[in-house]
Protein backbone atom coordinates (compact mmCIF):
# COMPACT_ATOMS: atom_id res chain seq x y z
CA MET A 1 69.88 34.96 109.47
CA LYS A 2 66.73 34.61 111.53
CA LEU A 3 67.03 34.61 115.26
CA LEU A 4 66.12 31.30 116.86
CA ILE A 5 64.16 32.77 119.76
CA ASN A 6 61.68 35.05 118.08
CA SER A 7 57.91 34.68 118.05
CA LYS A 8 57.16 32.68 121.12
CA LEU A 9 56.22 32.61 124.78
CA VAL A 10 52.70 34.14 124.95
CA LEU A 11 52.51 31.68 127.78
CA SER A 12 50.19 33.69 129.87
CA SER A 13 47.50 33.08 127.30
CA PHE A 14 47.55 29.39 127.95
CA ILE A 15 45.61 28.08 130.93
CA CYS A 16 47.14 24.89 132.41
CA ALA A 17 44.59 22.22 132.86
CA THR A 18 44.43 20.58 136.27
CA ALA A 19 46.03 17.39 135.00
CA MET A 20 48.89 19.36 133.55
CA CYS A 21 49.57 21.19 136.79
CA ALA A 22 49.68 18.24 139.03
CA SER A 23 53.03 17.91 140.66
CA ALA A 24 53.15 14.13 140.86
CA VAL A 25 52.66 13.29 137.21
CA SER A 26 55.42 11.28 135.53
CA ALA A 27 56.05 10.46 131.86
CA GLN A 28 53.46 12.87 130.74
CA THR A 29 53.88 13.87 127.06
CA LEU A 30 53.06 17.45 126.05
CA THR A 31 52.19 18.26 122.45
CA SER A 32 50.35 21.64 123.04
CA ASN A 33 51.47 24.76 124.84
CA SER A 34 51.55 24.30 128.61
CA THR A 35 53.09 25.48 131.88
CA GLY A 36 52.82 23.96 135.36
CA THR A 37 54.72 21.82 137.92
CA ASN A 38 55.78 18.24 137.74
CA ASN A 39 57.54 16.22 140.43
CA GLY A 40 58.50 19.37 142.25
CA PHE A 41 59.79 21.27 139.18
CA TYR A 42 58.18 24.00 137.14
CA TYR A 43 57.96 23.29 133.41
CA THR A 44 57.14 25.26 130.24
CA PHE A 45 56.50 23.99 126.78
CA TRP A 46 55.75 26.25 123.78
CA LYS A 47 55.64 25.84 119.99
CA ASP A 48 54.25 27.87 117.23
CA SER A 49 53.60 24.90 114.85
CA GLY A 50 54.70 21.36 114.00
CA ASN A 51 55.46 18.10 115.73
CA ALA A 52 57.66 19.06 118.69
CA SER A 53 56.83 17.21 121.92
CA MET A 54 58.20 17.15 125.44
CA THR A 55 57.78 14.38 128.00
CA LEU A 56 57.88 15.08 131.75
CA GLN A 57 59.90 12.38 133.44
CA SER A 58 60.66 11.86 137.13
CA GLY A 59 62.30 14.61 139.16
CA GLY A 60 64.04 17.25 137.11
CA ARG A 61 64.25 15.14 133.97
CA TYR A 62 62.49 15.82 130.70
CA THR A 63 62.84 14.37 127.21
CA SER A 64 62.05 16.12 123.88
CA GLN A 65 62.00 15.49 120.15
CA TRP A 66 61.22 17.61 117.17
CA ASN A 67 61.64 17.67 113.39
CA SER A 68 61.92 20.20 110.57
CA GLY A 69 58.11 20.38 110.38
CA THR A 70 58.32 22.46 113.56
CA ASN A 71 59.04 26.15 113.01
CA ASN A 72 60.05 27.14 116.56
CA TRP A 73 59.69 25.43 119.99
CA VAL A 74 61.18 25.76 123.43
CA GLY A 75 60.66 23.87 126.65
CA GLY A 76 62.32 22.74 129.86
CA LYS A 77 62.17 22.21 133.59
CA GLY A 78 63.34 24.43 136.42
CA TRP A 79 61.75 26.87 138.90
CA ASN A 80 59.19 29.64 139.24
CA PRO A 81 60.24 32.09 140.39
CA GLY A 82 63.85 32.01 139.34
CA ASN A 83 66.54 33.91 141.18
CA SER A 84 69.88 35.51 140.54
CA SER A 85 71.84 33.39 143.06
CA ARG A 86 70.84 29.93 142.06
CA THR A 87 73.45 27.39 140.89
CA ILE A 88 72.13 24.91 138.38
CA SER A 89 73.54 21.56 137.36
CA TYR A 90 72.41 19.56 134.35
CA SER A 91 73.20 16.22 132.68
CA GLY A 92 71.95 13.98 129.93
CA ASN A 93 72.04 13.88 126.12
CA TYR A 94 71.71 16.66 123.66
CA GLY A 95 70.85 15.04 120.30
CA VAL A 96 71.71 17.80 117.87
CA SER A 97 74.50 18.49 115.39
CA ASN A 98 76.32 21.56 114.01
CA SER A 99 73.91 21.58 111.02
CA GLN A 100 70.82 22.00 113.16
CA ASN A 101 69.56 25.34 114.59
CA SER A 102 69.10 24.62 118.31
CA TYR A 103 70.12 25.87 121.80
CA LEU A 104 70.64 24.16 125.18
CA ALA A 105 70.43 26.94 127.74
CA LEU A 106 69.43 28.29 131.10
CA TYR A 107 66.51 30.41 130.06
CA GLY A 108 64.24 32.82 131.95
CA TRP A 109 62.27 36.02 132.17
CA THR A 110 62.08 38.96 134.53
CA ARG A 111 59.69 41.85 134.87
CA SER A 112 60.32 45.53 135.75
CA PRO A 113 62.31 45.57 133.59
CA LEU A 114 60.96 42.94 131.16
CA ILE A 115 64.02 40.90 130.21
CA GLU A 116 64.43 37.53 128.35
CA TYR A 117 67.76 35.95 129.18
CA TYR A 118 69.84 32.98 128.06
CA VAL A 119 72.93 31.29 129.35
CA ILE A 120 73.83 29.30 126.23
CA GLU A 121 75.73 26.04 127.00
CA SER A 122 75.57 24.54 123.52
CA TYR A 123 74.16 25.45 120.20
CA GLY A 124 74.06 24.16 116.65
CA SER A 125 74.21 26.12 113.34
CA TYR A 126 73.48 29.57 114.75
CA ASN A 127 75.51 31.44 117.40
CA PRO A 128 73.25 33.91 119.23
CA ALA A 129 76.29 36.06 119.97
CA SER A 130 75.85 37.24 116.34
CA CYS A 131 72.24 38.37 116.79
CA SER A 132 71.39 41.24 114.37
CA GLY A 133 71.68 44.78 115.85
CA GLY A 134 73.04 43.60 119.11
CA THR A 135 75.62 45.15 121.35
CA ASP A 136 78.63 43.24 122.78
CA TYR A 137 79.52 43.71 126.40
CA GLY A 138 82.80 41.68 126.57
CA SER A 139 83.36 38.36 128.29
CA PHE A 140 84.10 36.80 131.67
CA GLN A 141 85.10 33.48 133.17
CA SER A 142 82.72 31.12 134.95
CA ASP A 143 82.44 27.36 135.54
CA GLY A 144 85.59 26.64 133.57
CA ALA A 145 84.70 28.55 130.39
CA THR A 146 84.61 32.00 128.86
CA TYR A 147 81.14 33.46 128.32
CA ASN A 148 80.60 36.13 125.64
CA VAL A 149 77.85 38.63 126.49
CA ARG A 150 75.56 40.34 124.01
CA ARG A 151 72.35 42.30 124.30
CA CYS A 152 69.63 42.40 121.59
CA GLN A 153 66.29 44.26 121.49
CA ARG A 154 62.96 42.81 120.43
CA VAL A 155 60.39 45.44 119.23
CA ASN A 156 56.69 44.60 119.61
CA GLN A 157 57.33 40.84 119.96
CA PRO A 158 55.72 38.10 122.00
CA SER A 159 56.70 37.94 125.65
CA ILE A 160 55.29 36.64 128.97
CA ASP A 161 53.19 39.88 128.94
CA GLY A 162 51.94 39.79 125.40
CA ASN A 163 53.57 41.72 122.61
CA GLN A 164 56.15 44.07 124.08
CA THR A 165 59.42 45.77 123.37
CA PHE A 166 62.17 44.32 125.56
CA TYR A 167 65.83 43.38 125.79
CA GLN A 168 67.42 39.92 125.55
CA TYR A 169 70.62 39.16 127.43
CA PHE A 170 72.91 36.38 126.17
CA SER A 171 75.85 34.68 127.88
CA VAL A 172 77.30 32.23 125.31
CA ARG A 173 79.73 29.61 126.45
CA ASN A 174 83.07 29.41 124.65
CA PRO A 175 83.88 26.68 123.91
CA LYS A 176 80.36 25.36 123.66
CA LYS A 177 79.67 22.02 125.31
CA GLY A 178 79.01 20.21 122.01
CA PHE A 179 76.50 17.38 121.47
CA GLY A 180 75.70 13.87 122.61
CA ASN A 181 76.35 13.13 126.33
CA ILE A 182 76.49 16.44 128.12
CA SER A 183 76.72 17.82 131.63
CA GLY A 184 77.64 21.06 133.34
CA THR A 185 77.11 23.61 136.15
CA ILE A 186 75.87 27.15 135.71
CA THR A 187 76.69 29.55 138.53
CA PHE A 188 74.03 32.06 137.57
CA ALA A 189 75.14 34.72 140.03
CA ASN A 190 78.30 35.11 137.97
CA HIS A 191 76.21 36.02 134.90
CA ALA A 192 73.74 38.25 136.76
CA ASN A 193 76.55 40.14 138.43
CA PHE A 194 78.54 40.60 135.24
CA TRP A 195 75.51 41.76 133.36
CA ALA A 196 74.71 44.22 136.15
CA SER A 197 78.29 45.56 136.05
CA LYS A 198 77.47 46.55 132.41
CA GLY A 199 74.26 48.09 133.21
CA LEU A 200 72.23 45.04 132.09
CA ASN A 201 69.99 44.73 135.11
CA LEU A 202 67.41 41.98 135.75
CA GLY A 203 64.06 42.69 137.31
CA ASN A 204 61.68 40.54 139.35
CA HIS A 205 62.10 36.91 138.38
CA ASN A 206 59.42 34.93 136.58
CA TYR A 207 60.40 31.38 135.56
CA GLN A 208 63.91 29.98 135.07
CA VAL A 209 64.42 26.61 133.33
CA LEU A 210 67.16 24.55 131.70
CA ALA A 211 65.60 24.67 128.16
CA THR A 212 66.00 22.97 124.85
CA GLU A 213 65.08 25.06 121.85
CA GLY A 214 64.78 24.30 118.14
CA TYR A 215 64.10 26.40 115.11
CA GLN A 216 63.32 24.80 111.74
CA SER A 217 65.53 21.85 112.70
CA THR A 218 65.58 18.21 113.84
CA GLY A 219 66.80 16.92 117.17
CA SER A 220 66.18 15.48 120.59
CA SER A 221 67.19 15.95 124.20
CA ASP A 222 67.15 13.97 127.49
CA ILE A 223 68.06 16.43 130.27
CA THR A 224 67.98 16.25 134.02
CA VAL A 225 68.27 19.55 135.91
CA SER A 226 68.95 20.06 139.58
CA GLN A 227 69.74 22.83 141.99
CA GLY A 228 73.26 23.14 143.44
CA SER A 229 76.72 22.47 142.12
CA ASN A 230 78.41 19.21 141.09
CA ASN A 231 81.77 20.89 141.54
CA GLY A 232 82.97 18.75 144.34
CA GLY A 233 85.80 20.57 146.11
CA THR A 234 88.87 18.49 146.88
CA SER A 235 90.66 15.47 145.56
CA SER A 236 88.50 13.18 147.77
CA SER A 237 85.19 14.70 146.68
CA GLY A 238 83.00 12.10 145.18
CA GLY A 239 85.78 9.53 144.80
CA SER A 240 88.74 7.78 146.42
CA THR A 241 92.32 8.81 146.09
CA SER A 242 95.42 6.65 145.95
CA SER A 243 98.75 6.18 144.24
CA THR A 244 101.71 8.46 144.26
CA PRO A 245 101.13 11.60 146.28
CA SER A 246 101.80 15.03 144.94
CA THR A 247 105.24 16.48 145.45
CA GLY A 248 103.86 19.71 146.97
CA GLY A 249 104.71 23.06 145.58
CA ASN A 250 103.16 26.06 143.93
CA LYS A 251 100.75 24.62 141.29
CA THR A 252 97.18 23.75 142.10
CA ILE A 253 95.71 21.60 139.46
CA VAL A 254 91.99 20.86 139.15
CA VAL A 255 90.65 18.09 136.90
CA ARG A 256 86.89 18.14 136.29
CA ALA A 257 85.67 14.72 135.23
CA ARG A 258 83.03 12.04 135.55
CA GLY A 259 82.64 8.35 134.65
CA THR A 260 79.69 6.54 133.16
CA SER A 261 79.69 3.71 135.75
CA GLY A 262 81.41 5.25 138.74
CA GLN A 263 84.26 2.66 138.62
CA GLU A 264 86.54 4.49 136.27
CA SER A 265 90.06 5.35 137.42
CA ILE A 266 92.06 8.34 136.15
CA ARG A 267 95.38 9.74 137.01
CA LEU A 268 97.07 13.17 136.56
CA LYS A 269 100.56 12.97 135.25
CA VAL A 270 103.10 15.81 134.91
CA ASN A 271 106.45 15.28 133.16
CA ASN A 272 105.55 11.61 132.98
CA THR A 273 105.21 11.38 136.79
CA VAL A 274 101.94 10.34 138.50
CA VAL A 275 100.79 13.25 140.67
CA GLN A 276 97.41 11.82 141.83
CA THR A 277 94.96 9.04 141.09
CA TRP A 278 91.18 9.25 141.50
CA THR A 279 88.17 6.92 141.19
CA LEU A 280 85.32 8.86 139.52
CA THR A 281 81.61 9.19 140.31
CA THR A 282 78.91 9.41 137.66
CA SER A 283 78.47 13.11 138.17
CA MET A 284 80.92 15.90 137.22
CA GLN A 285 83.24 16.58 140.07
CA ASN A 286 86.38 18.66 140.63
CA TYR A 287 89.46 16.67 141.65
CA THR A 288 92.32 18.68 143.04
CA ALA A 289 96.09 18.14 143.45
CA THR A 290 99.23 20.25 143.99
CA THR A 291 102.62 19.83 142.57
CA SER A 292 105.86 21.66 141.82
CA LEU A 293 106.53 19.60 138.75
CA SER A 294 106.85 21.18 135.31
CA GLY A 295 106.52 19.70 131.86
CA GLY A 296 103.84 17.99 129.83
CA SER A 297 100.50 17.48 131.59
CA LEU A 298 97.88 14.81 130.87
CA VAL A 299 94.89 13.01 132.32
CA GLU A 300 95.07 9.25 131.76
CA TYR A 301 92.22 6.67 131.96
CA THR A 302 93.64 3.33 133.18
CA ASN A 303 90.96 0.71 133.78
CA ASP A 304 88.73 0.48 130.73
CA ALA A 305 86.04 -2.25 130.74
CA SER A 306 82.60 -2.80 129.37
CA GLY A 307 80.20 -0.03 130.33
CA ARG A 308 82.99 2.32 131.44
CA ASP A 309 83.93 5.62 129.82
CA VAL A 310 85.43 8.87 131.09
CA GLN A 311 84.42 12.49 130.26
CA VAL A 312 86.99 15.13 131.16
CA ASP A 313 85.54 18.64 131.00
CA TYR A 314 88.82 20.59 131.65
CA LEU A 315 92.10 20.86 133.48
CA SER A 316 92.94 24.07 135.28
CA VAL A 317 96.37 25.28 136.61
CA ASN A 318 96.24 27.90 139.32
CA GLY A 319 92.78 28.91 138.13
CA SER A 320 93.68 29.10 134.40
CA VAL A 321 91.36 26.73 132.57
CA ARG A 322 92.48 24.49 129.69
CA GLN A 323 89.37 23.02 128.06
CA SER A 324 89.56 19.40 126.81
CA GLU A 325 88.36 20.66 123.45
CA ALA A 326 91.65 22.56 123.18
CA GLN A 327 93.74 19.47 123.88
CA THR A 328 97.06 18.68 122.28
CA TYR A 329 96.04 15.00 121.68
CA ASN A 330 93.63 12.30 122.79
CA THR A 331 94.71 8.67 122.53
CA GLY A 332 91.61 7.24 124.34
CA VAL A 333 88.70 8.49 122.21
CA TYR A 334 87.08 5.82 119.97
CA GLN A 335 86.50 7.35 116.58
CA ASN A 336 86.89 6.30 112.97
CA GLY A 337 86.82 2.65 114.07
CA ALA A 338 89.77 2.75 116.47
CA CYS A 339 90.94 3.88 119.87
CA GLY A 340 92.82 7.14 119.46
CA GLY A 341 91.38 7.36 115.92
CA GLY A 342 89.87 10.80 116.40
CA ASN A 343 90.85 14.17 114.96
CA GLY A 344 91.10 15.81 118.41
CA GLY A 345 88.70 17.95 120.48
CA SER A 346 86.77 15.20 122.23
CA GLU A 347 86.21 15.29 126.04
CA TRP A 348 85.75 11.58 126.01
CA LEU A 349 88.11 8.64 126.84
CA HIS A 350 86.44 5.44 125.68
CA CYS A 351 89.56 3.31 125.91
CA ASN A 352 92.72 3.28 128.09
CA GLY A 353 94.52 6.40 126.97
CA ALA A 354 95.11 10.04 127.81
CA ILE A 355 94.20 13.63 126.94
CA GLY A 356 97.15 15.95 126.74
CA TYR A 357 96.96 19.55 127.96
CA GLY A 358 100.47 20.85 127.04
CA ASN A 359 103.25 22.03 129.39
CA LEU A 360 102.76 23.39 132.86
């Protein structure tokens, strides 16, 4: 299978016109290769052929669309230079499916050594952890997921310094984030440190962007990137708390969730007992409670109304993450024409209902 990320990025050969490099330009659509700054963010856009385009929106937001007439394209917003300690948050919509060859990733380059790196948050038909001739370096935990690490070598291929031989580093999220409405946080220091522990060192940073990439596929994206974490920190972070207090004890439970309106109410229940209730914000936050209860655990959405939905990324117990995609049931997702009509695996609660996470 062809690798998605080949033949691209001879970006140094493209000279950014003055209009392209202006930092205050909004809603500017790019259809030819370009780099520059826009509303305080660095951007890059590259394609080798076809109809891909990227529109620079306000702040860290960009939109993109492409079809199968495009061979390979990549673009996004972020920073130049990048760094190894930056924490990146993103949100928006990733309009791809499992049948389309595409990535959504933190993407960047370094020099001395020349390295192309990806932190893959979601992907379609091709998993880069299977790149031909690569070497696996194990996995590690970060931001509520397991990341599988692989290194591949490119020989005499395009880079930011012309055709060169260089390594690519991949951290691939497991489980991947999926498609449609999407959000997350990438603590890049965790990736850089793990890579370095395996001898996969980075050099001097060039650019670092939250990128969309497509290869002989069709799709779209609407992504906003920012610096810093949306992790929250305590049960009161980003929302109010109420209802039955926790019983105290030796289990620390974190629910990572957001609402679409900021009025959504969820509650954590263990053994059919309410441990904590929170009102969500519209950004992903961590909501924390403690309890000594044991038994079945669930996150329940209780105040559905027009314009309100809940996305639950994961539940963790004493640091052990249980992804929503690995749920035991979901009675609040709207699929197949009914609430609770899905086949499992959705992070979303569209109706009053609950995601079950098994016994504590």
